[in-house]
Protein backbone atom coordinates (compact mmCIF):
# COMPACT_ATOMS: atom_id res chain seq x y z
CA MET A 1 0.00 0.00 0.00
CA LYS A 2 2.90 2.37 0.72
CA LYS A 3 4.01 2.13 -2.89
CA ALA A 4 0.56 2.82 -4.33
CA LEU A 5 0.87 6.61 -4.17
CA PRO A 6 4.37 6.85 -5.71
CA TYR A 7 3.33 4.41 -8.44
CA SER A 8 0.18 6.43 -9.13
CA ILE A 9 2.13 9.67 -9.32
CA ALA A 10 4.74 8.01 -11.53
CA GLY A 11 1.99 6.73 -13.82
CA ILE A 12 0.38 10.15 -14.17
CA LEU A 13 3.78 11.76 -14.72
CA ALA A 14 4.71 9.15 -17.34
CA VAL A 15 1.45 9.68 -19.23
CA PHE A 16 1.97 13.44 -19.08
CA GLY A 17 5.55 12.92 -20.31
CA PHE A 18 4.58 10.62 -23.19
CA VAL A 19 1.76 12.90 -24.34
CA THR A 20 4.09 15.90 -24.21
CA LEU A 21 6.82 13.97 -26.03
CA TYR A 22 4.38 12.93 -28.76
CA LEU A 23 2.89 16.40 -29.24
CA SER A 24 6.12 18.39 -29.11
CA GLY A 25 7.98 15.80 -31.18
CA SER A 26 5.22 15.90 -33.77
CA VAL A 27 5.58 19.67 -34.14
CA ILE A 28 9.39 19.56 -34.23
CA LEU A 29 9.44 16.78 -36.85
CA ASP A 30 6.22 17.91 -38.58
CA LEU A 31 4.64 14.49 -38.19
CA PHE A 32 1.14 14.07 -39.56
CA GLY A 33 1.08 17.69 -40.79
CA ILE A 34 0.72 18.88 -37.20
CA ARG A 35 2.58 22.15 -37.78
CA ALA A 36 -0.21 23.46 -39.97
CA LYS A 37 -2.78 22.48 -37.33
CA GLU A 38 -0.84 24.20 -34.54
CA GLY A 39 -0.83 27.59 -36.27
CA ASN A 40 1.65 30.18 -35.00
CA TYR A 41 3.64 28.01 -32.61
CA VAL A 42 6.81 29.36 -31.00
CA LEU A 43 9.60 26.87 -31.70
CA PHE A 44 11.67 27.47 -28.55
CA VAL A 45 8.55 26.85 -26.43
CA VAL A 46 8.01 23.57 -28.28
CA TRP A 47 11.63 22.61 -27.62
CA ALA A 48 11.24 23.50 -23.93
CA ASN A 49 8.21 21.19 -23.79
CA PHE A 50 10.16 18.45 -25.57
CA ILE A 51 13.04 18.70 -23.09
CA SER A 52 10.57 18.69 -20.21
CA SER A 53 8.87 15.58 -21.56
CA ILE A 54 12.13 13.64 -21.34
CA LEU A 55 12.73 14.98 -17.83
CA TYR A 56 9.20 13.90 -16.82
CA LEU A 57 9.92 10.34 -17.95
CA VAL A 58 13.20 10.26 -16.03
CA ALA A 59 11.42 11.60 -12.93
CA ALA A 60 8.67 8.98 -13.28
CA VAL A 61 11.33 6.28 -12.91
CA GLY A 62 12.66 8.11 -9.86
CA PHE A 63 9.19 8.15 -8.29
CA ILE A 64 8.85 4.40 -8.78
CA LYS A 65 12.23 3.79 -7.16
CA LEU A 66 11.71 6.53 -4.53
CA LYS A 67 15.10 8.05 -5.38
CA THR A 68 16.12 11.42 -4.00
CA TRP A 69 17.42 12.49 -7.43
CA THR A 70 13.80 12.59 -8.68
CA LEU A 71 13.64 16.22 -7.58
CA ARG A 72 16.46 17.26 -9.94
CA PRO A 73 14.87 16.53 -13.34
CA LEU A 74 11.62 18.08 -12.18
CA GLY A 75 13.40 21.18 -10.87
CA VAL A 76 15.32 21.51 -14.12
CA SER A 77 12.06 21.15 -16.02
CA VAL A 78 10.47 23.98 -14.02
CA LEU A 79 13.51 26.14 -14.74
CA VAL A 80 13.43 25.33 -18.48
CA LEU A 81 9.72 26.14 -18.62
CA LEU A 82 10.12 29.40 -16.71
CA LEU A 83 12.93 30.50 -19.03
CA ALA A 84 10.82 29.59 -22.07
CA PHE A 85 7.89 31.50 -20.57
CA ALA A 86 10.07 34.58 -20.07
CA GLY A 87 11.33 34.14 -23.63
CA LEU A 88 7.75 33.90 -24.85
CA PHE A 89 6.95 37.28 -23.31
CA ILE A 90 10.04 38.79 -24.92
CA HIS A 91 8.96 37.21 -28.20
CA ILE A 92 5.47 38.71 -27.82
CA TYR A 93 6.80 42.11 -26.75
CA THR A 94 9.06 42.32 -29.79
CA GLY A 95 6.15 41.63 -32.12
CA GLY A 96 6.60 37.90 -32.68
CA ILE A 97 3.59 35.89 -33.77
CA TYR A 98 2.11 33.34 -31.38
CA GLU A 99 -1.10 31.62 -30.43
CA THR A 100 -2.92 33.01 -27.40
CA LYS A 101 -3.47 29.46 -26.14
CA THR A 102 0.31 29.12 -25.73
CA ILE A 103 0.27 31.42 -22.70
CA GLY A 104 -2.41 29.36 -20.96
CA ALA A 105 -0.69 26.11 -21.87
CA MET A 106 2.61 27.35 -20.46
CA VAL A 107 0.99 28.47 -17.20
CA PHE A 108 -0.73 25.08 -16.92
CA ARG A 109 2.51 23.17 -17.61
CA ILE A 110 4.51 25.26 -15.12
CA ILE A 111 1.88 24.71 -12.40
CA VAL A 112 1.62 20.96 -13.05
CA THR A 113 5.41 20.54 -13.11
CA SER A 114 5.71 22.57 -9.90
CA VAL A 115 3.14 20.32 -8.22
CA PHE A 116 5.08 17.21 -9.27
CA THR A 117 8.26 18.84 -7.98
CA ALA A 118 6.63 19.58 -4.62
CA LEU A 119 5.34 16.00 -4.44
CA ALA A 120 8.84 14.69 -5.10
CA TYR A 121 10.23 16.94 -2.39
CA PHE A 122 7.70 16.02 0.29
CA MET A 123 7.29 12.34 -0.59
CA ILE A 124 10.87 11.39 -1.37
CA SER A 125 13.43 13.97 -0.31
CA GLU A 126 11.91 14.72 3.10
CA ARG A 127 11.28 11.03 3.71
CA ASN A 128 14.91 10.09 3.11
CA LYS A 129 16.41 12.75 5.42
């Protein structure tokens, strides 16, 4: 029973990671004509999501094994996303084209990643002290 919560979190994180990997990878590689469907995407934001997806999958393994290093990939992911978000605002301010939904999606992703990071801290790092 003690492992049920870490496994559940790892499962959710892995699904989130695989979906993000699929979507961002599809835009980067233009699979299935997805670029045209996405409209005015911002490539560095897509790359930030792609990098985060890999970090989510690494962290999911860490959750399963209850390793203290799980916090690192999630923390790096939050940092990457925050830098991309700041870059997005610079991009917007300088007149770059973008989709309005990108702002909401970035806020959502930063919040979700921060929640996973907090869970890793309180469930794994604090537990192993």
